Amino acid sequence: MNANYDILQNFLRCNKHIKFKFRDDSNILDVLSYSNVILTLELDNNDLVANSNFIYKSIITLDGITIYIPKIYIRES
């Protein structure tokens, strides 16, 4: 399944403790849970729409973090 930007936004809406923050005008994205950095991604550019699939898949494969993934988005094609 390819996650588009709408799926990423819905994921963030359901997991209000997860936030994104780019480091000082760079392509490095920190994924925060509450105030802790749980994931750092180096992206090709700082466009969330273009990188939404990579960001979504990187977050849902993390171990040791509780996240809510709506059942409709757990599909294999």
Protein backbone atom coordinates (compact mmCIF):
# COMPACT_ATOMS: atom_id res chain seq x y z
CA MET A 1 0.00 0.00 0.00
CA ASN A 2 1.26 3.45 -0.85
CA ALA A 3 0.43 6.01 1.80
CA ASN A 4 -0.51 9.36 0.34
CA TYR A 5 -0.50 12.68 2.18
CA ASP A 6 -4.15 12.31 3.24
CA ILE A 7 -3.36 9.01 4.98
CA LEU A 8 -0.39 10.63 6.73
CA GLN A 9 -2.56 13.53 7.90
CA ASN A 10 -5.22 11.13 9.18
CA PHE A 11 -2.54 9.14 11.00
CA LEU A 12 -1.33 12.35 12.70
CA ARG A 13 -4.90 13.31 13.58
CA CYS A 14 -5.39 9.94 15.31
CA ASN A 15 -2.00 10.14 17.06
CA LYS A 16 -1.94 13.68 18.42
CA HIS A 17 1.27 13.01 20.39
CA ILE A 18 3.26 12.60 17.15
CA LYS A 19 4.65 15.76 15.55
CA PHE A 20 7.06 16.54 12.71
CA LYS A 21 9.82 19.11 12.86
CA PHE A 22 12.45 19.95 10.26
CA ARG A 23 15.88 20.86 11.58
CA ASP A 24 16.94 24.45 10.74
CA ASP A 25 15.89 24.69 7.07
CA SER A 26 17.39 21.31 6.20
CA ASN A 27 16.03 18.06 4.79
CA ILE A 28 16.36 16.29 8.13
CA LEU A 29 12.98 15.51 9.68
CA ASP A 30 12.62 14.68 13.36
CA VAL A 31 9.55 12.70 14.35
CA LEU A 32 8.60 13.56 17.91
CA SER A 33 6.42 11.67 20.35
CA TYR A 34 5.44 14.18 22.97
CA SER A 35 8.82 15.93 23.28
CA ASN A 36 11.10 12.95 22.58
CA VAL A 37 12.68 12.37 19.18
CA ILE A 38 11.70 8.84 18.18
CA LEU A 39 12.91 8.91 14.59
CA THR A 40 15.17 11.03 12.41
CA LEU A 41 14.81 10.85 8.64
CA GLU A 42 17.04 12.39 6.02
CA LEU A 43 14.78 13.21 3.07
CA ASP A 44 15.62 14.20 -0.52
CA ASN A 45 13.72 17.46 0.00
CA ASN A 46 11.55 19.04 2.69
CA ASP A 47 8.26 18.33 0.90
CA LEU A 48 6.01 16.28 3.19
CA VAL A 49 3.59 15.50 0.36
CA ALA A 50 6.27 13.95 -1.85
CA ASN A 51 7.79 11.97 1.06
CA SER A 52 4.55 10.95 2.79
CA ASN A 53 4.81 7.26 1.88
CA PHE A 54 8.40 6.98 3.17
CA ILE A 55 7.55 8.88 6.38
CA TYR A 56 4.42 6.81 7.09
CA LYS A 57 6.15 3.47 6.53
CA SER A 58 9.12 4.52 8.65
CA ILE A 59 6.87 5.44 11.57
CA ILE A 60 4.65 2.35 11.51
CA THR A 61 7.67 0.01 11.53
CA LEU A 62 9.06 1.45 14.77
CA ASP A 63 9.26 -0.86 17.77
CA GLY A 64 8.52 0.20 21.33
CA ILE A 65 6.05 2.98 20.56
CA THR A 66 2.29 2.91 20.88
CA ILE A 67 0.46 4.27 17.86
CA TYR A 68 -3.06 3.98 16.56
CA ILE A 69 -3.37 2.82 12.95
CA PRO A 70 -6.94 2.90 11.64
CA LYS A 71 -7.96 -0.54 10.40
CA ILE A 72 -8.83 0.79 6.96
CA TYR A 73 -5.15 1.57 6.34
CA ILE A 74 -3.85 -1.90 7.13
CA ARG A 75 -4.18 -3.45 3.70
CA GLU A 76 -1.78 -5.32 1.51
CA SER A 77 -2.14 -5.12 -2.23
